[in-house]
C-alpha atoms as a PDB file:
ATOM      1  CA  MET A   1    -223.088 -50.095  69.134  1.00  0.00           C
ATOM      2  CA  PRO A   2    -226.468 -48.380  70.165  1.00  0.00           C
ATOM      3  CA  HIS A   3    -226.412 -45.110  71.830  1.00  0.00           C
ATOM      4  CA  ARG A   4    -227.585 -46.463  75.226  1.00  0.00           C
ATOM      5  CA  HIS A   5    -224.975 -49.160  75.197  1.00  0.00           C
ATOM      6  CA  LYS A   6    -222.258 -46.575  74.340  1.00  0.00           C
ATOM      7  CA  ARG A   7    -223.260 -44.399  77.187  1.00  0.00           C
ATOM      8  CA  LEU A   8    -223.122 -47.456  79.712  1.00  0.00           C
ATOM      9  CA  TRP A   9    -219.780 -48.381  78.321  1.00  0.00           C
ATOM     10  CA  TRP A  10    -218.359 -44.948  78.921  1.00  0.00           C
ATOM     11  CA  LEU A  11    -219.959 -44.844  82.282  1.00  0.00           C
ATOM     12  CA  ALA A  12    -218.369 -48.249  83.159  1.00  0.00           C
ATOM     13  CA  LEU A  13    -214.976 -46.937  82.046  1.00  0.00           C
ATOM     14  CA  ALA A  14    -215.409 -43.764  84.096  1.00  0.00           C
ATOM     15  CA  ALA A  15    -216.323 -45.826  87.150  1.00  0.00           C
ATOM     16  CA  LEU A  16    -213.294 -47.964  86.689  1.00  0.00           C
ATOM     17  CA  TRP A  17    -211.113 -44.868  86.586  1.00  0.00           C
ATOM     18  CA  LEU A  18    -212.829 -43.314  89.643  1.00  0.00           C
ATOM     19  CA  ILE A  19    -212.387 -46.562  91.633  1.00  0.00           C
ATOM     20  CA  ALA A  20    -208.633 -46.763  90.709  1.00  0.00           C
ATOM     21  CA  THR A  21    -208.200 -43.043  91.469  1.00  0.00           C
ATOM     22  CA  ALA A  22    -209.859 -43.343  94.854  1.00  0.00           C
ATOM     23  CA  ALA A  23    -207.629 -46.237  95.776  1.00  0.00           C
ATOM     24  CA  ASP A  24    -204.574 -44.144  94.705  1.00  0.00           C
ATOM     25  CA  ARG A  25    -205.774 -41.106  96.635  1.00  0.00           C
ATOM     26  CA  ALA A  26    -206.318 -43.372  99.773  1.00  0.00           C
ATOM     27  CA  TRP A  27    -202.759 -44.741  99.378  1.00  0.00           C
ATOM     28  CA  LEU A  28    -201.220 -41.262  98.898  1.00  0.00           C
ATOM     29  CA  LEU A  29    -203.079 -40.020 101.953  1.00  0.00           C
ATOM     30  CA  ALA A  30    -201.745 -43.011 104.094  1.00  0.00           C
ATOM     31  CA  ASP A  31    -198.171 -42.834 102.678  1.00  0.00           C
ATOM     32  CA  GLN A  32    -196.569 -39.409 103.563  1.00  0.00           C
ATOM     33  CA  ARG A  33    -193.017 -40.183 102.595  1.00  0.00           C
ATOM     34  CA  LEU A  34    -191.147 -37.485 100.714  1.00  0.00           C
ATOM     35  CA  PRO A  35    -190.581 -38.096  97.126  1.00  0.00           C
ATOM     36  CA  ALA A  36    -187.320 -39.747  95.866  1.00  0.00           C
ATOM     37  CA  TRP A  37    -184.883 -37.835  93.805  1.00  0.00           C
ATOM     38  CA  ASP A  38    -186.423 -38.605  90.301  1.00  0.00           C
ATOM     39  CA  GLN A  39    -189.817 -37.733  91.531  1.00  0.00           C
ATOM     40  CA  ALA A  40    -188.747 -34.456  92.978  1.00  0.00           C
ATOM     41  CA  ASP A  41    -186.887 -33.550  89.871  1.00  0.00           C
ATOM     42  CA  TYR A  42    -190.025 -34.271  87.720  1.00  0.00           C
ATOM     43  CA  LEU A  43    -192.175 -32.261  90.293  1.00  0.00           C
ATOM     44  CA  ASN A  44    -189.658 -29.330  90.038  1.00  0.00           C
ATOM     45  CA  SER A  45    -189.819 -29.435  86.254  1.00  0.00           C
ATOM     46  CA  ALA A  46    -193.649 -29.197  86.217  1.00  0.00           C
ATOM     47  CA  VAL A  47    -193.538 -26.401  88.821  1.00  0.00           C
ATOM     48  CA  ASP A  48    -190.928 -24.530  86.580  1.00  0.00           C
ATOM     49  CA  HIS A  49    -192.961 -24.933  83.563  1.00  0.00           C
ATOM     50  CA  GLY A  50    -196.058 -23.669  85.412  1.00  0.00           C
ATOM     51  CA  ARG A  51    -194.293 -20.642  86.724  1.00  0.00           C
ATOM     52  CA  ALA A  52    -192.844 -19.783  83.260  1.00  0.00           C
ATOM     53  CA  LEU A  53    -196.349 -19.934  81.812  1.00  0.00           C
ATOM     54  CA  GLY A  54    -197.796 -17.890  84.742  1.00  0.00           C
ATOM     55  CA  TRP A  55    -200.115 -20.639  85.816  1.00  0.00           C
ATOM     56  CA  ILE A  56    -198.293 -21.173  89.319  1.00  0.00           C
ATOM     57  CA  ALA A  57    -197.349 -18.258  91.583  1.00  0.00           C
ATOM     58  CA  GLY A  58    -193.794 -17.297  91.960  1.00  0.00           C
ATOM     59  CA  GLY A  59    -192.763 -17.125  88.368  1.00  0.00           C
ATOM     60  CA  ALA A  60    -191.073 -14.366  86.441  1.00  0.00           C
ATOM     61  CA  GLY A  61    -193.855 -14.487  83.789  1.00  0.00           C
ATOM     62  CA  TRP A  62    -193.825 -15.343  80.192  1.00  0.00           C
ATOM     63  CA  HIS A  63    -190.470 -14.986  78.335  1.00  0.00           C
ATOM     64  CA  GLY A  64    -191.182 -16.676  75.079  1.00  0.00           C
ATOM     65  CA  TRP A  65    -191.186 -20.165  73.719  1.00  0.00           C
ATOM     66  CA  GLN A  66    -187.447 -20.472  73.640  1.00  0.00           C
ATOM     67  CA  ALA A  67    -187.077 -19.698  77.461  1.00  0.00           C
ATOM     68  CA  LEU A  68    -189.958 -22.262  78.049  1.00  0.00           C
ATOM     69  CA  LEU A  69    -188.115 -24.907  76.013  1.00  0.00           C
ATOM     70  CA  ASP A  70    -184.948 -24.203  77.727  1.00  0.00           C
ATOM     71  CA  LEU A  71    -186.555 -25.488  80.921  1.00  0.00           C
ATOM     72  CA  SER A  72    -186.517 -28.883  79.346  1.00  0.00           C
ATOM     73  CA  PRO A  73    -182.938 -29.674  78.240  1.00  0.00           C
ATOM     74  CA  LYS A  74    -183.307 -33.523  78.962  1.00  0.00           C
ATOM     75  CA  ILE A  75    -186.964 -34.037  79.871  1.00  0.00           C
ATOM     76  CA  PRO A  76    -189.661 -33.673  77.107  1.00  0.00           C
ATOM     77  CA  PRO A  77    -191.959 -30.844  78.162  1.00  0.00           C
ATOM     78  CA  LEU A  78    -195.305 -32.389  77.439  1.00  0.00           C
ATOM     79  CA  SER A  79    -195.696 -34.161  80.754  1.00  0.00           C
ATOM     80  CA  SER A  80    -194.274 -31.020  82.708  1.00  0.00           C
ATOM     81  CA  LEU A  81    -196.773 -28.821  80.803  1.00  0.00           C
ATOM     82  CA  VAL A  82    -199.708 -31.134  81.554  1.00  0.00           C
ATOM     83  CA  SER A  83    -198.666 -31.420  85.124  1.00  0.00           C
ATOM     84  CA  ALA A  84    -198.215 -27.682  85.422  1.00  0.00           C
ATOM     85  CA  GLY A  85    -201.759 -27.208  84.196  1.00  0.00           C
ATOM     86  CA  VAL A  86    -203.123 -29.713  86.684  1.00  0.00           C
ATOM     87  CA  MET A  87    -201.085 -28.191  89.496  1.00  0.00           C
ATOM     88  CA  HIS A  88    -202.605 -24.868  88.718  1.00  0.00           C
ATOM     89  CA  PHE A  89    -205.857 -26.332  90.045  1.00  0.00           C
ATOM     90  CA  SER A  90    -204.787 -28.895  92.521  1.00  0.00           C
ATOM     91  CA  GLY A  91    -201.738 -27.312  94.202  1.00  0.00           C
ATOM     92  CA  THR A  92    -197.923 -27.973  94.030  1.00  0.00           C
ATOM     93  CA  GLU A  93    -197.660 -30.186  96.894  1.00  0.00           C
ATOM     94  CA  VAL A  94    -197.012 -33.956  96.137  1.00  0.00           C
ATOM     95  CA  ASP A  95    -200.644 -35.095  96.784  1.00  0.00           C
ATOM     96  CA  GLY A  96    -201.969 -32.276  94.615  1.00  0.00           C
ATOM     97  CA  ALA A  97    -199.600 -32.757  91.867  1.00  0.00           C
ATOM     98  CA  SER A  98    -200.423 -36.448  91.604  1.00  0.00           C
ATOM     99  CA  TRP A  99    -203.705 -35.594  90.160  1.00  0.00           C
ATOM    100  CA  ALA A 100    -201.704 -35.236  86.975  1.00  0.00           C
ATOM    101  CA  LEU A 101    -200.956 -38.979  87.194  1.00  0.00           C
ATOM    102  CA  SER A 102    -204.645 -39.693  87.507  1.00  0.00           C
ATOM    103  CA  LEU A 103    -205.189 -37.735  84.296  1.00  0.00           C
ATOM    104  CA  TRP A 104    -202.563 -39.751  82.506  1.00  0.00           C
ATOM    105  CA  HIS A 105    -203.930 -42.884  84.028  1.00  0.00           C
ATOM    106  CA  GLY A 106    -207.238 -41.938  82.526  1.00  0.00           C
ATOM    107  CA  VAL A 107    -205.941 -41.413  79.214  1.00  0.00           C
ATOM    108  CA  LEU A 108    -204.290 -44.859  79.270  1.00  0.00           C
ATOM    109  CA  LEU A 109    -207.556 -46.444  80.318  1.00  0.00           C
ATOM    110  CA  VAL A 110    -209.502 -44.800  77.573  1.00  0.00           C
ATOM    111  CA  VAL A 111    -206.903 -45.806  74.963  1.00  0.00           C
ATOM    112  CA  VAL A 112    -206.699 -49.466  76.106  1.00  0.00           C
ATOM    113  CA  ALA A 113    -210.403 -49.849  76.310  1.00  0.00           C
ATOM    114  CA  CYS A 114    -210.975 -48.186  72.797  1.00  0.00           C
ATOM    115  CA  TRP A 115    -208.238 -50.366  71.288  1.00  0.00           C
ATOM    116  CA  GLY A 116    -209.665 -53.513  72.894  1.00  0.00           C
ATOM    117  CA  ARG A 117    -213.128 -52.560  71.619  1.00  0.00           C
ATOM    118  CA  GLN A 118    -211.621 -51.901  68.123  1.00  0.00           C
ATOM    119  CA  LEU A 119    -209.719 -55.243  67.966  1.00  0.00           C
ATOM    120  CA  LEU A 120    -212.833 -57.497  68.565  1.00  0.00           C
ATOM    121  CA  GLY A 121    -215.449 -55.308  67.005  1.00  0.00           C
ATOM    122  CA  SER A 122    -219.072 -55.875  67.708  1.00  0.00           C
ATOM    123  CA  PRO A 123    -220.555 -57.418  69.815  1.00  0.00           C
ATOM    124  CA  GLY A 124    -217.848 -58.727  72.050  1.00  0.00           C
ATOM    125  CA  GLY A 125    -215.480 -55.778  71.733  1.00  0.00           C
ATOM    126  CA  SER A 126    -217.036 -53.641  74.196  1.00  0.00           C
ATOM    127  CA  GLY A 127    -216.712 -56.152  76.988  1.00  0.00           C
ATOM    128  CA  PHE A 128    -213.166 -57.029  75.891  1.00  0.00           C
ATOM    129  CA  GLY A 129    -212.207 -53.328  75.976  1.00  0.00           C
ATOM    130  CA  LEU A 130    -213.441 -52.840  79.461  1.00  0.00           C
ATOM    131  CA  LEU A 131    -211.741 -56.155  80.528  1.00  0.00           C
ATOM    132  CA  ALA A 132    -208.507 -54.756  78.952  1.00  0.00           C
ATOM    133  CA  ALA A 133    -208.885 -51.457  80.875  1.00  0.00           C
ATOM    134  CA  ALA A 134    -209.516 -53.401  84.069  1.00  0.00           C
ATOM    135  CA  GLY A 135    -206.331 -55.359  83.595  1.00  0.00           C
ATOM    136  CA  VAL A 136    -204.432 -52.192  83.138  1.00  0.00           C
ATOM    137  CA  ALA A 137    -206.025 -50.678  86.209  1.00  0.00           C
ATOM    138  CA  LEU A 138    -205.070 -53.740  88.348  1.00  0.00           C
ATOM    139  CA  ALA A 139    -201.712 -54.441  86.967  1.00  0.00           C
ATOM    140  CA  PRO A 140    -199.189 -54.289  89.849  1.00  0.00           C
ATOM    141  CA  ALA A 141    -196.417 -52.635  87.939  1.00  0.00           C
ATOM    142  CA  LEU A 142    -198.867 -49.873  86.806  1.00  0.00           C
ATOM    143  CA  LEU A 143    -200.233 -49.468  90.315  1.00  0.00           C
ATOM    144  CA  ALA A 144    -196.738 -48.360  91.406  1.00  0.00           C
ATOM    145  CA  LEU A 145    -196.470 -45.914  88.524  1.00  0.00           C
ATOM    146  CA  ARG A 146    -199.729 -44.245  89.456  1.00  0.00           C
ATOM    147  CA  THR A 147    -198.241 -43.103  92.746  1.00  0.00           C
ATOM    148  CA  ASP A 148    -194.724 -42.330  91.798  1.00  0.00           C
ATOM    149  CA  PHE A 149    -194.373 -38.960  90.164  1.00  0.00           C
ATOM    150  CA  THR A 150    -192.096 -40.120  87.261  1.00  0.00           C
ATOM    151  CA  LEU A 151    -192.418 -40.004  83.553  1.00  0.00           C
ATOM    152  CA  ASP A 152    -193.277 -43.582  83.114  1.00  0.00           C
ATOM    153  CA  LEU A 153    -197.024 -43.258  83.178  1.00  0.00           C
ATOM    154  CA  PRO A 154    -197.161 -40.285  80.887  1.00  0.00           C
ATOM    155  CA  LEU A 155    -194.858 -41.999  78.529  1.00  0.00           C
ATOM    156  CA  THR A 156    -196.938 -45.198  78.561  1.00  0.00           C
ATOM    157  CA  ALA A 157    -200.166 -43.371  77.999  1.00  0.00           C
ATOM    158  CA  SER A 158    -198.884 -41.076  75.138  1.00  0.00           C
ATOM    159  CA  CYS A 159    -197.103 -43.973  73.383  1.00  0.00           C
ATOM    160  CA  CYS A 160    -200.268 -46.240  73.565  1.00  0.00           C
ATOM    161  CA  LEU A 161    -202.362 -43.243  72.366  1.00  0.00           C
ATOM    162  CA  SER A 162    -199.881 -42.754  69.480  1.00  0.00           C
ATOM    163  CA  LEU A 163    -199.844 -46.367  68.429  1.00  0.00           C
ATOM    164  CA  TRP A 164    -203.698 -46.684  68.596  1.00  0.00           C
ATOM    165  CA  LEU A 165    -204.089 -43.486  66.508  1.00  0.00           C
ATOM    166  CA  LEU A 166    -201.657 -44.681  64.091  1.00  0.00           C
ATOM    167  CA  GLY A 167    -203.430 -48.109  63.773  1.00  0.00           C
ATOM    168  CA  ARG A 168    -206.724 -46.290  63.232  1.00  0.00           C
ATOM    169  CA  TRP A 169    -205.247 -44.198  60.445  1.00  0.00           C
ATOM    170  CA  GLN A 170    -203.559 -47.083  58.921  1.00  0.00           C
ATOM    171  CA  ARG A 171    -206.652 -49.317  59.003  1.00  0.00           C
ATOM    172  CA  PRO A 172    -208.370 -49.596  55.631  1.00  0.00           C
ATOM    173  CA  GLY A 173    -211.900 -48.480  55.304  1.00  0.00           C
END
C-alpha cells in the first residue's frame, strides 16, 4: 500500500472513531442517569487503582505491587489501570470516566480494521478493513457497551487484539 493511501486509510479510521465518539458523548450528555450497580463497581475499582498509583487525588499513595493487586481480587486489573490513567486526565465523574470506553473502542476499531485489511490483502483489504470497522462502530450491541461502564468493551478489545496478534505471529512468512 503506497504511503499516501496508508495515511488516508488511517485518517478514515480516525474519522470513524471520532464520529462514533462524538455520538457517544452526545448520548452521555443527554442521558444523565446514575450508573447501575455493575457500572458503579467498575468505576470504583478504577478510582481505587488510580488512588493507589497516586494518579487520582485522595489516595494513600504507593504501597507496592501486592497492595495494588489486592485491589483486584475478582476483577482483572488491566481495565481498571487503563481507566485510572484516563480518569487522571478526564475526571472521575461518569462522563469523564467514559473516555476510557472511547479508548477501548478505538483499540477495537484499529484491530478489526487491521485484521480485515490483512484477511483480504491488497488491493481490496483496505476497504474491507474500513467496512469491518464501520460495522463494529454501528453494531447495536456494541453501541450499548460504549456507554455502559462495564468490562465488556475492554474484554472484547483486548481479546480481539490478542487473537489478531497471535494470528500475525502464527502466519508463515
